[in-house]
Amino acid sequence: MLSRTADHLFWMARYTERAENTARMLDVHYQMSLLPQSAQVARQGWEALLRISELLPAYQYQHGEVNARDVLHFMVRDEHNPSSIYSCLRAARENARAVRGVLTTEQWETQNQTWLELQRLLRSGDFERDPGPFFEWVKFRSHVSRGVAYGTMLQDEAFHFLRMGTFLERADNTARMLDVKFHAVPHDPAGALAAGDAAASDPTLDFYHWSSVLRSVSAFEIYRKVYRSVITPERVAELLILRADMPRSLAACLDEVVRNLEAVRNEHSAETERHAGRLRAQLRFARIDEILDHGLHAFLTQFLERVNALGTRISQTFLLPAAA
């Protein structure tokens, strides 16, 4: 029973976090699309968003040409897109419903209310008139879900799997976003920085491009506090990869995964812990100049492969086949 409960909570957390991450990216892209820009630049921005989630082929199969209206529909309310906000919050609620009997009343009511309110909001037409408040609502409901779980849930094994689900999903999203954004540097179309040539970056890189990267992970104010200087791509990468005190960085996410993995260790988990520990050590002792010298794209690609393999190992070691 414990493994089944933990499994559903693991996926409930992942889907809730995925909905929040999608809302964050859509919100920033929508705000950026309101700035003066050519139609080509606008289209490339929406294509980059679809690439982050590896959904460009699926989108093009359904809609063909990339445009803001269809991308928003596809990523928000399309029931056939498993990564849309609608699909993620539905899956989160279904996983919660499957273990309704072991959730606290506050946990269940939070998930259920989010699902019911989502349907009401999408029917109202407010999203089409102004998407901004809707994206803020999705982020807020995700914050509420985490807060209620932390404040009301017994901190047993099921709780630790819920936390692991959250931070595995967050690490995956941050790495994907960084990889795509660094390839989309406006003044570096060849992707020199992403390939490892930090010297090729222009110190006057478009402020709005890099601030949008930071805002998508609530890191704009944190960047200003930590570095107290102009925004540079190298420092953006350092903050979102190596700073363990930045809540959505890769280092912070792996610290949480390892901490919660250690709390549920058993006689079969040594190899899974070893993989998690090695990945955390790589982030803990790396330097951003070394990462850029060897190529940021290669680093992030390898990280994504390893963090997704870690998620698979956790499921195989501890959990039943995913109910999602």
C-alpha atoms as a PDB file:
ATOM      1  CA  MET A   1       0.000   0.000   0.000  1.00  0.00           C
ATOM      2  CA  LEU A   2       2.823   2.401   0.841  1.00  0.00           C
ATOM      3  CA  SER A   3       4.493   2.023  -2.565  1.00  0.00           C
ATOM      4  CA  ARG A   4       1.187   2.607  -4.347  1.00  0.00           C
ATOM      5  CA  THR A   5       0.463   5.709  -2.265  1.00  0.00           C
ATOM      6  CA  ALA A   6       3.995   7.031  -2.777  1.00  0.00           C
ATOM      7  CA  ASP A   7       3.716   6.397  -6.505  1.00  0.00           C
ATOM      8  CA  HIS A   8       0.552   8.467  -6.846  1.00  0.00           C
ATOM      9  CA  LEU A   9       1.972  11.285  -4.722  1.00  0.00           C
ATOM     10  CA  PHE A  10       5.218  11.224  -6.734  1.00  0.00           C
ATOM     11  CA  TRP A  11       3.257  11.783  -9.957  1.00  0.00           C
ATOM     12  CA  MET A  12       0.799  14.217  -8.402  1.00  0.00           C
ATOM     13  CA  ALA A  13       3.772  16.399  -7.464  1.00  0.00           C
ATOM     14  CA  ARG A  14       5.411  16.067 -10.883  1.00  0.00           C
ATOM     15  CA  TYR A  15       2.267  17.053 -12.745  1.00  0.00           C
ATOM     16  CA  THR A  16       1.558  20.002 -10.456  1.00  0.00           C
ATOM     17  CA  GLU A  17       5.116  21.248 -10.876  1.00  0.00           C
ATOM     18  CA  ARG A  18       4.907  20.732 -14.649  1.00  0.00           C
ATOM     19  CA  ALA A  19       1.747  22.832 -14.843  1.00  0.00           C
ATOM     20  CA  GLU A  20       3.475  25.614 -12.903  1.00  0.00           C
ATOM     21  CA  ASN A  21       6.579  25.466 -15.101  1.00  0.00           C
ATOM     22  CA  THR A  22       4.450  25.639 -18.236  1.00  0.00           C
ATOM     23  CA  ALA A  23       2.563  28.631 -16.855  1.00  0.00           C
ATOM     24  CA  ARG A  24       5.842  30.373 -16.036  1.00  0.00           C
ATOM     25  CA  MET A  25       7.232  29.920 -19.540  1.00  0.00           C
ATOM     26  CA  LEU A  26       3.986  30.902 -21.256  1.00  0.00           C
ATOM     27  CA  ASP A  27       3.608  33.997 -19.099  1.00  0.00           C
ATOM     28  CA  VAL A  28       7.091  35.273 -19.937  1.00  0.00           C
ATOM     29  CA  HIS A  29       6.727  34.499 -23.640  1.00  0.00           C
ATOM     30  CA  TYR A  30       3.351  36.210 -23.764  1.00  0.00           C
ATOM     31  CA  GLN A  31       4.713  39.346 -22.081  1.00  0.00           C
ATOM     32  CA  MET A  32       7.711  39.347 -24.431  1.00  0.00           C
ATOM     33  CA  SER A  33       5.417  38.996 -27.445  1.00  0.00           C
ATOM     34  CA  LEU A  34       3.831  42.355 -26.570  1.00  0.00           C
ATOM     35  CA  LEU A  35       7.143  44.149 -27.191  1.00  0.00           C
ATOM     36  CA  PRO A  36       7.878  45.588 -30.660  1.00  0.00           C
ATOM     37  CA  GLN A  37       9.422  42.822 -32.784  1.00  0.00           C
ATOM     38  CA  SER A  38       9.263  41.315 -36.234  1.00  0.00           C
ATOM     39  CA  ALA A  39       6.869  38.504 -37.047  1.00  0.00           C
ATOM     40  CA  GLN A  40       9.840  36.175 -37.570  1.00  0.00           C
ATOM     41  CA  VAL A  41      11.328  36.899 -34.145  1.00  0.00           C
ATOM     42  CA  ALA A  42       7.926  36.412 -32.519  1.00  0.00           C
ATOM     43  CA  ARG A  43       7.445  33.069 -34.268  1.00  0.00           C
ATOM     44  CA  GLN A  44      10.919  31.897 -33.269  1.00  0.00           C
ATOM     45  CA  GLY A  45      10.118  32.696 -29.637  1.00  0.00           C
ATOM     46  CA  TRP A  46       6.988  30.541 -29.662  1.00  0.00           C
ATOM     47  CA  GLU A  47       8.850  27.758 -31.472  1.00  0.00           C
ATOM     48  CA  ALA A  48      11.533  27.837 -28.776  1.00  0.00           C
ATOM     49  CA  LEU A  49       8.867  27.403 -26.099  1.00  0.00           C
ATOM     50  CA  LEU A  50       7.533  24.314 -27.862  1.00  0.00           C
ATOM     51  CA  ARG A  51      11.052  22.912 -28.199  1.00  0.00           C
ATOM     52  CA  ILE A  52      11.623  23.226 -24.452  1.00  0.00           C
ATOM     53  CA  SER A  53       8.913  20.614 -23.911  1.00  0.00           C
ATOM     54  CA  GLU A  54       9.798  18.671 -27.087  1.00  0.00           C
ATOM     55  CA  LEU A  55       6.317  19.412 -28.436  1.00  0.00           C
ATOM     56  CA  LEU A  56       7.054  21.204 -31.701  1.00  0.00           C
ATOM     57  CA  PRO A  57       6.325  18.152 -33.940  1.00  0.00           C
ATOM     58  CA  ALA A  58       3.072  17.410 -32.088  1.00  0.00           C
ATOM     59  CA  TYR A  59       1.997  21.029 -32.384  1.00  0.00           C
ATOM     60  CA  GLN A  60       2.813  21.243 -36.088  1.00  0.00           C
ATOM     61  CA  TYR A  61       0.895  18.022 -36.733  1.00  0.00           C
ATOM     62  CA  GLN A  62      -2.226  19.601 -35.247  1.00  0.00           C
ATOM     63  CA  HIS A  63      -1.868  23.268 -36.170  1.00  0.00           C
ATOM     64  CA  GLY A  64       0.818  23.679 -38.821  1.00  0.00           C
ATOM     65  CA  GLU A  65       2.176  27.220 -38.675  1.00  0.00           C
ATOM     66  CA  VAL A  66       3.353  28.467 -35.292  1.00  0.00           C
ATOM     67  CA  ASN A  67       1.436  31.462 -33.933  1.00  0.00           C
ATOM     68  CA  ALA A  68       0.697  32.817 -30.476  1.00  0.00           C
ATOM     69  CA  ARG A  69      -3.028  31.991 -30.381  1.00  0.00           C
ATOM     70  CA  ASP A  70      -2.616  28.338 -31.337  1.00  0.00           C
ATOM     71  CA  VAL A  71       0.416  27.799 -29.106  1.00  0.00           C
ATOM     72  CA  LEU A  72      -1.480  29.187 -26.114  1.00  0.00           C
ATOM     73  CA  HIS A  73      -4.438  26.929 -26.863  1.00  0.00           C
ATOM     74  CA  PHE A  74      -2.170  23.901 -27.338  1.00  0.00           C
ATOM     75  CA  MET A  75      -0.174  24.495 -24.158  1.00  0.00           C
ATOM     76  CA  VAL A  76      -3.068  25.562 -21.917  1.00  0.00           C
ATOM     77  CA  ARG A  77      -6.313  23.810 -22.741  1.00  0.00           C
ATOM     78  CA  ASP A  78      -5.634  21.061 -25.299  1.00  0.00           C
ATOM     79  CA  GLU A  79      -6.863  17.811 -23.739  1.00  0.00           C
ATOM     80  CA  HIS A  80      -4.834  15.770 -26.234  1.00  0.00           C
ATOM     81  CA  ASN A  81      -1.530  17.401 -25.295  1.00  0.00           C
ATOM     82  CA  PRO A  82      -0.310  15.490 -22.202  1.00  0.00           C
ATOM     83  CA  SER A  83       1.870  18.450 -21.186  1.00  0.00           C
ATOM     84  CA  SER A  84      -0.828  21.136 -21.393  1.00  0.00           C
ATOM     85  CA  ILE A  85      -1.809  22.856 -18.161  1.00  0.00           C
ATOM     86  CA  TYR A  86      -5.256  21.301 -18.443  1.00  0.00           C
ATOM     87  CA  SER A  87      -3.850  17.765 -18.840  1.00  0.00           C
ATOM     88  CA  CYS A  88      -1.287  18.209 -16.046  1.00  0.00           C
ATOM     89  CA  LEU A  89      -3.777  19.483 -13.486  1.00  0.00           C
ATOM     90  CA  ARG A  90      -6.249  16.779 -14.469  1.00  0.00           C
ATOM     91  CA  ALA A  91      -3.550  14.112 -14.004  1.00  0.00           C
ATOM     92  CA  ALA A  92      -2.498  15.634 -10.671  1.00  0.00           C
ATOM     93  CA  ARG A  93      -6.089  15.515  -9.443  1.00  0.00           C
ATOM     94  CA  GLU A  94      -6.598  11.937 -10.656  1.00  0.00           C
ATOM     95  CA  ASN A  95      -3.477  10.767  -8.844  1.00  0.00           C
ATOM     96  CA  ALA A  96      -4.712  12.535  -5.707  1.00  0.00           C
ATOM     97  CA  ARG A  97      -8.154  10.947  -6.067  1.00  0.00           C
ATOM     98  CA  ALA A  98      -6.571   7.490  -6.325  1.00  0.00           C
ATOM     99  CA  VAL A  99      -5.195   7.879  -2.788  1.00  0.00           C
ATOM    100  CA  ARG A 100      -7.939  10.113  -1.406  1.00  0.00           C
ATOM    101  CA  GLY A 101      -8.187   7.987   1.723  1.00  0.00           C
ATOM    102  CA  VAL A 102      -4.623   8.710   2.851  1.00  0.00           C
ATOM    103  CA  LEU A 103      -4.495  12.430   2.001  1.00  0.00           C
ATOM    104  CA  THR A 104      -5.201  15.058   4.597  1.00  0.00           C
ATOM    105  CA  THR A 105      -8.482  16.867   4.065  1.00  0.00           C
ATOM    106  CA  GLU A 106      -6.593  20.042   3.170  1.00  0.00           C
ATOM    107  CA  GLN A 107      -4.491  18.248   0.547  1.00  0.00           C
ATOM    108  CA  TRP A 108      -7.471  16.713  -1.191  1.00  0.00           C
ATOM    109  CA  GLU A 109      -9.521  19.910  -1.114  1.00  0.00           C
ATOM    110  CA  THR A 110      -6.600  21.860  -2.573  1.00  0.00           C
ATOM    111  CA  GLN A 111      -6.184  19.485  -5.528  1.00  0.00           C
ATOM    112  CA  ASN A 112      -9.904  19.153  -6.122  1.00  0.00           C
ATOM    113  CA  GLN A 113     -10.578  22.880  -5.881  1.00  0.00           C
ATOM    114  CA  THR A 114      -7.742  23.602  -8.324  1.00  0.00           C
ATOM    115  CA  TRP A 115      -9.266  21.229 -10.870  1.00  0.00           C
ATOM    116  CA  LEU A 116     -12.806  22.618 -10.490  1.00  0.00           C
ATOM    117  CA  GLU A 117     -11.619  26.221 -10.615  1.00  0.00           C
ATOM    118  CA  LEU A 118      -9.511  25.500 -13.708  1.00  0.00           C
ATOM    119  CA  GLN A 119     -12.577  24.360 -15.613  1.00  0.00           C
ATOM    120  CA  ARG A 120     -14.525  27.431 -14.531  1.00  0.00           C
ATOM    121  CA  LEU A 121     -11.733  29.779 -15.578  1.00  0.00           C
ATOM    122  CA  LEU A 122     -11.353  28.204 -19.009  1.00  0.00           C
ATOM    123  CA  ARG A 123     -15.116  28.361 -19.611  1.00  0.00           C
ATOM    124  CA  SER A 124     -15.318  32.015 -18.593  1.00  0.00           C
ATOM    125  CA  GLY A 125     -13.328  33.311 -21.571  1.00  0.00           C
ATOM    126  CA  ASP A 126     -11.118  35.448 -19.324  1.00  0.00           C
ATOM    127  CA  PHE A 127      -8.018  33.585 -20.485  1.00  0.00           C
ATOM    128  CA  GLU A 128      -8.512  34.633 -24.112  1.00  0.00           C
ATOM    129  CA  ARG A 129      -8.993  38.276 -23.081  1.00  0.00           C
ATOM    130  CA  ASP A 130      -5.922  38.426 -20.833  1.00  0.00           C
ATOM    131  CA  PRO A 131      -3.791  35.312 -20.187  1.00  0.00           C
ATOM    132  CA  GLY A 132      -1.639  36.979 -17.521  1.00  0.00           C
ATOM    133  CA  PRO A 133      -3.953  36.549 -14.492  1.00  0.00           C
ATOM    134  CA  PHE A 134      -4.584  32.920 -15.443  1.00  0.00           C
ATOM    135  CA  PHE A 135      -0.864  32.111 -15.432  1.00  0.00           C
ATOM    136  CA  GLU A 136      -0.501  33.800 -12.036  1.00  0.00           C
ATOM    137  CA  TRP A 137      -3.376  31.669 -10.762  1.00  0.00           C
ATOM    138  CA  VAL A 138      -1.691  28.437 -11.929  1.00  0.00           C
ATOM    139  CA  LYS A 139       1.539  29.395 -10.185  1.00  0.00           C
ATOM    140  CA  PHE A 140      -0.332  30.366  -7.030  1.00  0.00           C
ATOM    141  CA  ARG A 141      -2.229  27.061  -6.910  1.00  0.00           C
ATOM    142  CA  SER A 142       1.042  25.164  -7.251  1.00  0.00           C
ATOM    143  CA  HIS A 143       2.502  27.146  -4.356  1.00  0.00           C
ATOM    144  CA  VAL A 144      -0.603  26.384  -2.293  1.00  0.00           C
ATOM    145  CA  SER A 145      -0.340  22.672  -3.090  1.00  0.00           C
ATOM    146  CA  ARG A 146       3.288  22.508  -1.915  1.00  0.00           C
ATOM    147  CA  GLY A 147       2.570  24.586   1.165  1.00  0.00           C
ATOM    148  CA  VAL A 148      -0.428  22.502   2.209  1.00  0.00           C
ATOM    149  CA  ALA A 149       1.539  19.282   1.747  1.00  0.00           C
ATOM    150  CA  TYR A 150       4.446  20.611   3.810  1.00  0.00           C
ATOM    151  CA  GLY A 151       2.187  22.019   6.498  1.00  0.00           C
ATOM    152  CA  THR A 152      -0.294  19.165   6.953  1.00  0.00           C
ATOM    153  CA  MET A 153       1.303  15.932   5.757  1.00  0.00           C
ATOM    154  CA  LEU A 154       3.027  13.400   7.976  1.00  0.00           C
ATOM    155  CA  GLN A 155       6.682  13.488   6.936  1.00  0.00           C
ATOM    156  CA  ASP A 156       6.897   9.792   6.203  1.00  0.00           C
ATOM    157  CA  GLU A 157       8.074   7.958   3.079  1.00  0.00           C
ATOM    158  CA  ALA A 158       5.108   9.124   0.996  1.00  0.00           C
ATOM    159  CA  PHE A 159       5.999  12.738   1.823  1.00  0.00           C
ATOM    160  CA  HIS A 160       9.594  12.219   0.673  1.00  0.00           C
ATOM    161  CA  PHE A 161       8.460  10.791  -2.668  1.00  0.00           C
ATOM    162  CA  LEU A 162       6.177  13.767  -3.167  1.00  0.00           C
ATOM    163  CA  ARG A 163       9.162  16.055  -2.635  1.00  0.00           C
ATOM    164  CA  MET A 164      11.324  14.001  -5.003  1.00  0.00           C
ATOM    165  CA  GLY A 165       8.690  14.273  -7.708  1.00  0.00           C
ATOM    166  CA  THR A 166       8.602  18.043  -7.365  1.00  0.00           C
ATOM    167  CA  PHE A 167      12.359  18.550  -7.610  1.00  0.00           C
ATOM    168  CA  LEU A 168      13.012  16.020 -10.366  1.00  0.00           C
ATOM    169  CA  GLU A 169      10.421  17.811 -12.489  1.00  0.00           C
ATOM    170  CA  ARG A 170      11.834  21.219 -11.613  1.00  0.00           C
ATOM    171  CA  ALA A 171      15.398  20.187 -12.483  1.00  0.00           C
ATOM    172  CA  ASP A 172      14.240  18.818 -15.832  1.00  0.00           C
ATOM    173  CA  ASN A 173      12.400  22.031 -16.683  1.00  0.00           C
ATOM    174  CA  THR A 174      15.227  24.388 -15.666  1.00  0.00           C
ATOM    175  CA  ALA A 175      17.745  22.426 -17.731  1.00  0.00           C
ATOM    176  CA  ARG A 176      15.466  22.365 -20.796  1.00  0.00           C
ATOM    177  CA  MET A 177      14.733  26.061 -20.539  1.00  0.00           C
ATOM    178  CA  LEU A 178      18.412  26.969 -20.231  1.00  0.00           C
ATOM    179  CA  ASP A 179      19.412  24.771 -23.150  1.00  0.00           C
ATOM    180  CA  VAL A 180      16.836  26.248 -25.526  1.00  0.00           C
ATOM    181  CA  LYS A 181      17.307  29.837 -24.364  1.00  0.00           C
ATOM    182  CA  PHE A 182      21.073  29.764 -24.770  1.00  0.00           C
ATOM    183  CA  HIS A 183      20.638  28.510 -28.322  1.00  0.00           C
ATOM    184  CA  ALA A 184      18.234  31.363 -28.996  1.00  0.00           C
ATOM    185  CA  VAL A 185      20.606  34.207 -28.033  1.00  0.00           C
ATOM    186  CA  PRO A 186      19.537  37.044 -30.343  1.00  0.00           C
ATOM    187  CA  HIS A 187      23.048  38.359 -30.983  1.00  0.00           C
ATOM    188  CA  ASP A 188      24.665  34.952 -31.263  1.00  0.00           C
ATOM    189  CA  PRO A 189      22.696  33.066 -33.950  1.00  0.00           C
ATOM    190  CA  ALA A 190      25.426  30.487 -34.352  1.00  0.00           C
ATOM    191  CA  GLY A 191      25.032  29.531 -30.717  1.00  0.00           C
ATOM    192  CA  ALA A 192      28.697  30.143 -29.930  1.00  0.00           C
ATOM    193  CA  LEU A 193      28.102  30.534 -26.219  1.00  0.00           C
ATOM    194  CA  ALA A 194      26.013  27.388 -26.097  1.00  0.00           C
ATOM    195  CA  ALA A 195      28.833  25.599 -27.861  1.00  0.00           C
ATOM    196  CA  GLY A 196      31.285  26.752 -25.227  1.00  0.00           C
ATOM    197  CA  ASP A 197      32.799  29.999 -26.576  1.00  0.00           C
ATOM    198  CA  ALA A 198      32.009  32.388 -23.761  1.00  0.00           C
ATOM    199  CA  ALA A 199      34.239  35.026 -25.292  1.00  0.00           C
ATOM    200  CA  ALA A 200      31.944  35.247 -28.311  1.00  0.00           C
ATOM    201  CA  SER A 201      29.086  36.627 -26.251  1.00  0.00           C
ATOM    202  CA  ASP A 202      28.275  40.336 -26.603  1.00  0.00           C
ATOM    203  CA  PRO A 203      28.227  42.213 -23.262  1.00  0.00           C
ATOM    204  CA  THR A 204      25.289  44.231 -24.640  1.00  0.00           C
ATOM    205  CA  LEU A 205      23.130  41.149 -25.239  1.00  0.00           C
ATOM    206  CA  ASP A 206      19.471  42.006 -25.327  1.00  0.00           C
ATOM    207  CA  PHE A 207      18.449  42.808 -21.745  1.00  0.00           C
ATOM    208  CA  TYR A 208      14.922  41.585 -22.343  1.00  0.00           C
ATOM    209  CA  HIS A 209      16.075  38.167 -23.520  1.00  0.00           C
ATOM    210  CA  TRP A 210      18.139  37.434 -20.404  1.00  0.00           C
ATOM    211  CA  SER A 211      15.705  39.043 -17.995  1.00  0.00           C
ATOM    212  CA  SER A 212      12.968  36.825 -19.463  1.00  0.00           C
ATOM    213  CA  VAL A 213      15.090  33.769 -18.711  1.00  0.00           C
ATOM    214  CA  LEU A 214      15.438  34.906 -15.101  1.00  0.00           C
ATOM    215  CA  ARG A 215      11.791  35.900 -14.712  1.00  0.00           C
ATOM    216  CA  SER A 216      10.620  32.509 -15.958  1.00  0.00           C
ATOM    217  CA  VAL A 217      12.156  30.954 -12.824  1.00  0.00           C
ATOM    218  CA  SER A 218      11.502  33.883 -10.439  1.00  0.00           C
ATOM    219  CA  ALA A 219      15.200  34.705 -10.372  1.00  0.00           C
ATOM    220  CA  PHE A 220      15.350  38.306 -11.621  1.00  0.00           C
ATOM    221  CA  GLU A 221      15.447  39.912  -8.162  1.00  0.00           C
ATOM    222  CA  ILE A 222      17.723  37.147  -6.872  1.00  0.00           C
ATOM    223  CA  TYR A 223      20.192  37.846  -9.702  1.00  0.00           C
ATOM    224  CA  ARG A 224      20.297  41.534  -8.797  1.00  0.00           C
ATOM    225  CA  LYS A 225      20.881  40.708  -5.134  1.00  0.00           C
ATOM    226  CA  VAL A 226      23.636  38.162  -5.806  1.00  0.00           C
ATOM    227  CA  TYR A 227      25.584  39.866  -8.594  1.00  0.00           C
ATOM    228  CA  ARG A 228      24.640  43.563  -8.320  1.00  0.00           C
ATOM    229  CA  SER A 229      25.608  44.138 -11.947  1.00  0.00           C
ATOM    230  CA  VAL A 230      24.367  43.957 -15.499  1.00  0.00           C
ATOM    231  CA  ILE A 231      22.869  40.692 -16.636  1.00  0.00           C
ATOM    232  CA  THR A 232      25.337  38.476 -18.494  1.00  0.00           C
ATOM    233  CA  PRO A 233      24.683  35.006 -19.927  1.00  0.00           C
ATOM    234  CA  GLU A 234      27.572  33.451 -17.998  1.00  0.00           C
ATOM    235  CA  ARG A 235      26.161  34.601 -14.674  1.00  0.00           C
ATOM    236  CA  VAL A 236      22.638  33.564 -15.629  1.00  0.00           C
ATOM    237  CA  ALA A 237      23.993  30.082 -16.300  1.00  0.00           C
ATOM    238  CA  GLU A 238      25.945  30.040 -13.053  1.00  0.00           C
ATOM    239  CA  LEU A 239      22.922  31.127 -11.014  1.00  0.00           C
ATOM    240  CA  LEU A 240      20.545  28.590 -12.536  1.00  0.00           C
ATOM    241  CA  ILE A 241      22.979  25.672 -12.588  1.00  0.00           C
ATOM    242  CA  LEU A 242      25.404  25.909  -9.674  1.00  0.00           C
ATOM    243  CA  ARG A 243      23.951  28.171  -6.972  1.00  0.00           C
ATOM    244  CA  ALA A 244      22.540  25.832  -4.322  1.00  0.00           C
ATOM    245  CA  ASP A 245      20.825  28.785  -2.597  1.00  0.00           C
ATOM    246  CA  MET A 246      18.759  29.552  -5.708  1.00  0.00           C
ATOM    247  CA  PRO A 247      15.513  27.515  -5.234  1.00  0.00           C
ATOM    248  CA  ARG A 248      15.038  26.526  -8.877  1.00  0.00           C
ATOM    249  CA  SER A 249      18.676  25.873  -9.780  1.00  0.00           C
ATOM    250  CA  LEU A 250      19.883  22.435 -10.803  1.00  0.00           C
ATOM    251  CA  ALA A 251      22.120  22.261  -7.729  1.00  0.00           C
ATOM    252  CA  ALA A 252      19.255  23.081  -5.344  1.00  0.00           C
ATOM    253  CA  CYS A 253      16.969  20.539  -6.988  1.00  0.00           C
ATOM    254  CA  LEU A 254      19.543  17.741  -6.744  1.00  0.00           C
ATOM    255  CA  ASP A 255      20.249  18.595  -3.112  1.00  0.00           C
ATOM    256  CA  GLU A 256      16.552  18.058  -2.369  1.00  0.00           C
ATOM    257  CA  VAL A 257      16.363  14.843  -4.383  1.00  0.00           C
ATOM    258  CA  VAL A 258      19.380  13.344  -2.595  1.00  0.00           C
ATOM    259  CA  ARG A 259      18.148  14.469   0.837  1.00  0.00           C
ATOM    260  CA  ASN A 260      14.753  12.844   0.338  1.00  0.00           C
ATOM    261  CA  LEU A 261      16.248   9.766  -1.292  1.00  0.00           C
ATOM    262  CA  GLU A 262      18.444   9.193   1.742  1.00  0.00           C
ATOM    263  CA  ALA A 263      15.350   9.395   3.951  1.00  0.00           C
ATOM    264  CA  VAL A 264      13.727   6.419   2.194  1.00  0.00           C
ATOM    265  CA  ARG A 265      16.784   4.258   1.549  1.00  0.00           C
ATOM    266  CA  ASN A 266      16.385   0.486   1.723  1.00  0.00           C
ATOM    267  CA  GLU A 267      18.474  -2.591   0.948  1.00  0.00           C
ATOM    268  CA  HIS A 268      17.906  -2.148  -2.807  1.00  0.00           C
ATOM    269  CA  SER A 269      18.550   1.577  -3.173  1.00  0.00           C
ATOM    270  CA  ALA A 270      22.361   1.840  -2.963  1.00  0.00           C
ATOM    271  CA  GLU A 271      22.850   2.084  -6.736  1.00  0.00           C
ATOM    272  CA  THR A 272      20.099   4.672  -7.127  1.00  0.00           C
ATOM    273  CA  GLU A 273      21.627   6.736  -4.326  1.00  0.00           C
ATOM    274  CA  ARG A 274      25.033   6.459  -5.979  1.00  0.00           C
ATOM    275  CA  HIS A 275      23.707   7.844  -9.257  1.00  0.00           C
ATOM    276  CA  ALA A 276      21.969  10.701  -7.469  1.00  0.00           C
ATOM    277  CA  GLY A 277      25.057  11.463  -5.386  1.00  0.00           C
ATOM    278  CA  ARG A 278      27.364  11.564  -8.401  1.00  0.00           C
ATOM    279  CA  LEU A 279      25.029  13.938 -10.218  1.00  0.00           C
ATOM    280  CA  ARG A 280      24.843  16.219  -7.180  1.00  0.00           C
ATOM    281  CA  ALA A 281      28.635  16.117  -6.756  1.00  0.00           C
ATOM    282  CA  GLN A 282      29.110  17.143 -10.374  1.00  0.00           C
ATOM    283  CA  LEU A 283      27.024  20.259  -9.724  1.00  0.00           C
ATOM    284  CA  ARG A 284      28.501  20.959  -6.301  1.00  0.00           C
ATOM    285  CA  PHE A 285      32.123  20.997  -7.477  1.00  0.00           C
ATOM    286  CA  ALA A 286      31.745  22.305 -11.042  1.00  0.00           C
ATOM    287  CA  ARG A 287      32.755  25.791 -12.175  1.00  0.00           C
ATOM    288  CA  ILE A 288      30.807  27.727 -14.756  1.00  0.00           C
ATOM    289  CA  ASP A 289      33.883  28.570 -16.849  1.00  0.00           C
ATOM    290  CA  GLU A 290      34.698  24.854 -17.140  1.00  0.00           C
ATOM    291  CA  ILE A 291      31.119  24.061 -18.160  1.00  0.00           C
ATOM    292  CA  LEU A 292      31.162  26.769 -20.833  1.00  0.00           C
ATOM    293  CA  ASP A 293      34.595  25.707 -22.086  1.00  0.00           C
ATOM    294  CA  HIS A 294      33.362  22.159 -22.635  1.00  0.00           C
ATOM    295  CA  GLY A 295      30.028  23.323 -24.085  1.00  0.00           C
ATOM    296  CA  LEU A 296      26.850  24.259 -22.259  1.00  0.00           C
ATOM    297  CA  HIS A 297      24.612  22.324 -24.640  1.00  0.00           C
ATOM    298  CA  ALA A 298      26.597  19.127 -24.121  1.00  0.00           C
ATOM    299  CA  PHE A 299      26.514  19.614 -20.352  1.00  0.00           C
ATOM    300  CA  LEU A 300      22.758  20.197 -20.232  1.00  0.00           C
ATOM    301  CA  THR A 301      22.014  17.355 -22.631  1.00  0.00           C
ATOM    302  CA  GLN A 302      23.980  14.968 -20.440  1.00  0.00           C
ATOM    303  CA  PHE A 303      22.309  16.336 -17.312  1.00  0.00           C
ATOM    304  CA  LEU A 304      18.837  15.785 -18.777  1.00  0.00           C
ATOM    305  CA  GLU A 305      19.696  12.215 -19.712  1.00  0.00           C
ATOM    306  CA  ARG A 306      21.034  11.514 -16.220  1.00  0.00           C
ATOM    307  CA  VAL A 307      18.218  13.183 -14.274  1.00  0.00           C
ATOM    308  CA  ASN A 308      15.576  11.368 -16.313  1.00  0.00           C
ATOM    309  CA  ALA A 309      17.455   8.093 -15.839  1.00  0.00           C
ATOM    310  CA  LEU A 310      17.482   8.860 -12.115  1.00  0.00           C
ATOM    311  CA  GLY A 311      13.717   9.326 -12.133  1.00  0.00           C
ATOM    312  CA  THR A 312      13.337   5.961 -13.844  1.00  0.00           C
ATOM    313  CA  ARG A 313      15.635   4.330 -11.290  1.00  0.00           C
ATOM    314  CA  ILE A 314      13.644   5.764  -8.405  1.00  0.00           C
ATOM    315  CA  SER A 315      10.427   4.395  -9.881  1.00  0.00           C
ATOM    316  CA  GLN A 316      11.969   0.987 -10.495  1.00  0.00           C
ATOM    317  CA  THR A 317      13.611   0.795  -7.077  1.00  0.00           C
ATOM    318  CA  PHE A 318      10.763   1.994  -4.904  1.00  0.00           C
ATOM    319  CA  LEU A 319       7.492   2.449  -6.739  1.00  0.00           C
ATOM    320  CA  LEU A 320       4.867   0.510  -8.590  1.00  0.00           C
ATOM    321  CA  PRO A 321       4.416   1.184 -12.332  1.00  0.00           C
ATOM    322  CA  ALA A 322       3.330   4.771 -12.704  1.00  0.00           C
ATOM    323  CA  ALA A 323      -0.391   5.379 -12.541  1.00  0.00           C
ATOM    324  CA  ALA A 324      -0.044   8.530 -14.631  1.00  0.00           C
END
